[in-house]
N, C-alpha and C. Protein backbone atom coordinates (compact mmCIF):
# COMPACT_ATOMS: atom_id res chain seq x y z
N MET A 1 98.93 128.34 68.87
CA MET A 1 99.92 127.36 68.53
C MET A 1 100.73 127.04 69.79
N ALA A 2 101.16 125.80 69.89
CA ALA A 2 101.94 125.37 71.04
C ALA A 2 103.36 125.93 70.96
N LYS A 3 103.92 126.21 72.12
CA LYS A 3 105.28 126.71 72.17
C LYS A 3 106.25 125.54 72.29
N LYS A 4 107.47 125.78 71.93
CA LYS A 4 108.49 124.74 71.96
C LYS A 4 108.72 124.29 73.40
N GLY A 5 108.68 122.98 73.60
CA GLY A 5 108.92 122.42 74.92
C GLY A 5 107.70 122.40 75.83
N GLN A 6 106.54 122.78 75.33
CA GLN A 6 105.34 122.84 76.15
C GLN A 6 104.85 121.43 76.47
N LYS A 7 104.45 121.21 77.72
CA LYS A 7 103.92 119.92 78.14
C LYS A 7 102.40 119.98 78.11
N PHE A 8 101.79 118.95 77.56
CA PHE A 8 100.35 118.92 77.45
C PHE A 8 99.75 118.02 78.53
N GLN A 9 98.56 118.38 78.96
CA GLN A 9 97.87 117.62 79.97
C GLN A 9 97.14 116.44 79.32
N LYS A 10 97.35 115.23 79.85
CA LYS A 10 96.70 114.04 79.31
C LYS A 10 95.49 113.72 80.18
N ILE A 11 94.35 113.54 79.54
CA ILE A 11 93.11 113.26 80.26
C ILE A 11 92.76 111.80 80.02
N ASN A 12 92.57 111.04 81.10
CA ASN A 12 92.29 109.62 80.93
C ASN A 12 90.84 109.38 80.51
N VAL A 13 90.56 108.17 80.09
CA VAL A 13 89.26 107.81 79.53
C VAL A 13 88.16 107.93 80.59
N GLU A 14 88.45 107.56 81.83
CA GLU A 14 87.43 107.62 82.88
C GLU A 14 86.97 109.05 83.13
N MET A 15 87.91 110.00 83.10
CA MET A 15 87.55 111.40 83.30
C MET A 15 86.70 111.91 82.14
N LYS A 16 87.05 111.54 80.92
CA LYS A 16 86.27 111.96 79.76
C LYS A 16 84.86 111.38 79.82
N LEU A 17 84.75 110.13 80.27
CA LEU A 17 83.44 109.50 80.41
C LEU A 17 82.60 110.23 81.45
N GLU A 18 83.20 110.59 82.58
CA GLU A 18 82.49 111.33 83.62
C GLU A 18 82.05 112.70 83.13
N ILE A 19 82.90 113.38 82.35
CA ILE A 19 82.55 114.70 81.82
C ILE A 19 81.33 114.58 80.90
N CYS A 20 81.32 113.60 80.01
CA CYS A 20 80.20 113.43 79.08
C CYS A 20 78.92 113.02 79.81
N LYS A 21 79.04 112.18 80.83
CA LYS A 21 77.85 111.79 81.60
C LYS A 21 77.22 113.00 82.27
N ARG A 22 78.07 113.84 82.87
CA ARG A 22 77.54 115.03 83.55
C ARG A 22 76.82 115.96 82.57
N HIS A 23 77.36 116.09 81.37
CA HIS A 23 76.78 117.04 80.43
C HIS A 23 75.53 116.47 79.74
N PHE A 24 75.61 115.25 79.23
CA PHE A 24 74.52 114.71 78.42
C PHE A 24 73.43 114.04 79.24
N GLU A 25 73.73 113.55 80.43
CA GLU A 25 72.70 112.89 81.24
C GLU A 25 72.20 113.76 82.39
N GLU A 26 73.10 114.52 83.01
CA GLU A 26 72.71 115.38 84.14
C GLU A 26 72.50 116.83 83.73
N TYR A 27 72.78 117.15 82.47
CA TYR A 27 72.54 118.47 81.87
C TYR A 27 73.27 119.60 82.60
N GLN A 28 74.51 119.36 83.00
CA GLN A 28 75.32 120.42 83.60
C GLN A 28 75.97 121.24 82.49
N PRO A 29 76.08 122.56 82.67
CA PRO A 29 76.70 123.40 81.64
C PRO A 29 78.21 123.20 81.58
N GLU A 30 78.78 123.59 80.44
CA GLU A 30 80.21 123.43 80.19
C GLU A 30 81.06 124.18 81.21
N SER A 31 80.63 125.38 81.58
CA SER A 31 81.43 126.21 82.49
C SER A 31 81.58 125.56 83.86
N ILE A 32 80.52 124.95 84.38
CA ILE A 32 80.57 124.29 85.69
C ILE A 32 81.50 123.07 85.61
N ILE A 33 81.38 122.30 84.54
CA ILE A 33 82.20 121.10 84.38
C ILE A 33 83.68 121.49 84.27
N SER A 34 83.98 122.56 83.53
CA SER A 34 85.38 122.96 83.38
C SER A 34 85.97 123.42 84.71
N LYS A 35 85.18 124.06 85.54
CA LYS A 35 85.67 124.48 86.86
C LYS A 35 85.86 123.28 87.78
N ASP A 36 84.93 122.32 87.75
CA ASP A 36 85.02 121.14 88.62
C ASP A 36 86.25 120.30 88.31
N PHE A 37 86.58 120.13 87.03
CA PHE A 37 87.69 119.29 86.62
C PHE A 37 88.98 120.08 86.39
N ASN A 38 88.91 121.40 86.55
CA ASN A 38 90.07 122.28 86.37
C ASN A 38 90.66 122.14 84.97
N LEU A 39 89.79 122.20 83.97
CA LEU A 39 90.17 122.10 82.56
C LEU A 39 89.73 123.36 81.83
N PRO A 40 90.42 123.74 80.76
CA PRO A 40 89.95 124.85 79.94
C PRO A 40 88.62 124.48 79.27
N ILE A 41 87.77 125.46 79.06
CA ILE A 41 86.46 125.21 78.47
C ILE A 41 86.59 124.69 77.04
N GLY A 42 87.64 125.09 76.33
CA GLY A 42 87.86 124.59 74.98
C GLY A 42 88.13 123.09 74.96
N THR A 43 88.84 122.60 75.96
CA THR A 43 89.11 121.16 76.06
C THR A 43 87.82 120.40 76.31
N VAL A 44 86.98 120.93 77.17
CA VAL A 44 85.70 120.28 77.47
C VAL A 44 84.83 120.25 76.21
N ARG A 45 84.81 121.34 75.46
CA ARG A 45 84.02 121.36 74.22
C ARG A 45 84.56 120.36 73.20
N THR A 46 85.89 120.22 73.15
CA THR A 46 86.49 119.25 72.23
C THR A 46 86.08 117.83 72.59
N ILE A 47 86.04 117.52 73.88
CA ILE A 47 85.59 116.20 74.33
C ILE A 47 84.15 115.97 73.91
N PHE A 48 83.28 116.97 74.06
CA PHE A 48 81.88 116.85 73.66
C PHE A 48 81.76 116.64 72.15
N ASN A 49 82.50 117.42 71.37
CA ASN A 49 82.42 117.31 69.91
C ASN A 49 82.91 115.95 69.42
N ASN A 50 84.00 115.45 70.01
CA ASN A 50 84.49 114.13 69.62
C ASN A 50 83.48 113.05 69.96
N TYR A 51 82.80 113.20 71.10
CA TYR A 51 81.78 112.21 71.48
C TYR A 51 80.58 112.27 70.52
N LYS A 52 80.14 113.48 70.18
CA LYS A 52 78.99 113.64 69.28
C LYS A 52 79.27 113.08 67.89
N LYS A 53 80.51 113.25 67.42
CA LYS A 53 80.88 112.76 66.09
C LYS A 53 81.11 111.25 66.08
N GLY A 54 81.20 110.64 67.26
CA GLY A 54 81.38 109.20 67.34
C GLY A 54 82.82 108.75 67.36
N TYR A 55 83.77 109.64 67.66
CA TYR A 55 85.17 109.26 67.68
C TYR A 55 85.56 108.50 68.94
N GLY A 56 84.78 108.59 69.98
CA GLY A 56 85.12 107.92 71.23
C GLY A 56 86.06 108.76 72.07
N PHE A 57 86.72 108.11 73.01
CA PHE A 57 87.56 108.83 73.96
C PHE A 57 89.04 108.51 73.82
N GLU A 58 89.43 107.75 72.80
CA GLU A 58 90.82 107.39 72.66
C GLU A 58 91.61 108.52 72.01
N ARG A 59 92.91 108.49 72.22
CA ARG A 59 93.78 109.47 71.58
C ARG A 59 93.92 109.11 70.11
N LYS A 60 94.09 110.10 69.28
CA LYS A 60 94.12 109.88 67.84
C LYS A 60 95.54 109.85 67.28
N LYS A 61 96.54 110.09 68.11
CA LYS A 61 97.91 110.11 67.61
C LYS A 61 98.34 108.71 67.19
N GLY A 62 99.02 108.61 66.08
CA GLY A 62 99.53 107.34 65.61
C GLY A 62 98.54 106.54 64.80
N VAL A 63 97.38 107.11 64.48
CA VAL A 63 96.37 106.41 63.69
C VAL A 63 96.58 106.77 62.22
N LYS A 64 96.54 105.77 61.35
CA LYS A 64 96.75 106.01 59.93
C LYS A 64 95.67 106.92 59.36
N LYS A 65 96.03 107.70 58.36
CA LYS A 65 95.06 108.56 57.71
C LYS A 65 94.04 107.70 56.97
N GLY A 66 92.80 108.09 57.05
CA GLY A 66 91.74 107.36 56.37
C GLY A 66 91.19 106.21 57.18
N TYR A 67 91.78 105.92 58.34
CA TYR A 67 91.29 104.84 59.18
C TYR A 67 90.02 105.30 59.89
N LYS A 68 88.95 104.56 59.72
CA LYS A 68 87.67 104.92 60.34
C LYS A 68 87.46 104.08 61.59
N ARG A 69 87.23 104.75 62.70
CA ARG A 69 86.91 104.04 63.93
C ARG A 69 85.41 103.84 64.01
N LYS A 70 85.02 102.75 64.63
CA LYS A 70 83.59 102.57 64.77
C LYS A 70 83.09 103.48 65.89
N PRO A 71 81.88 104.02 65.76
CA PRO A 71 81.34 104.94 66.76
C PRO A 71 81.23 104.28 68.14
N VAL A 72 81.48 105.04 69.19
CA VAL A 72 81.43 104.55 70.56
C VAL A 72 80.39 105.38 71.30
N SER A 73 79.56 104.72 72.10
CA SER A 73 78.58 105.44 72.90
C SER A 73 78.89 105.23 74.38
N LEU A 74 78.19 105.96 75.25
CA LEU A 74 78.39 105.83 76.69
C LEU A 74 77.99 104.44 77.17
N GLU A 75 77.01 103.83 76.56
CA GLU A 75 76.54 102.50 76.96
C GLU A 75 77.62 101.45 76.68
N ASP A 76 78.37 101.63 75.59
CA ASP A 76 79.42 100.68 75.24
C ASP A 76 80.54 100.66 76.28
N LEU A 77 80.84 101.82 76.87
CA LEU A 77 81.95 101.93 77.82
C LEU A 77 81.54 101.58 79.23
N SER A 78 80.28 101.63 79.56
CA SER A 78 79.81 101.35 80.91
C SER A 78 79.74 99.87 81.18
């Protein structure tokens, strides 16, 4: 659980796109990618899971409950 006053790291869309390209197209393991981008491995796995489920790379805060986003692929963003 987050502590009071904790600041979270915001990852931009371009970085998330590069992370997914390295993993799904160049077949790099999660541990190497997390070290290269200086991110926790759990964050990298969350990015992969969101991409696999089709949520895309946008932040989900402020989205109404029950709102379905259309699936996004790497080809759509390139």
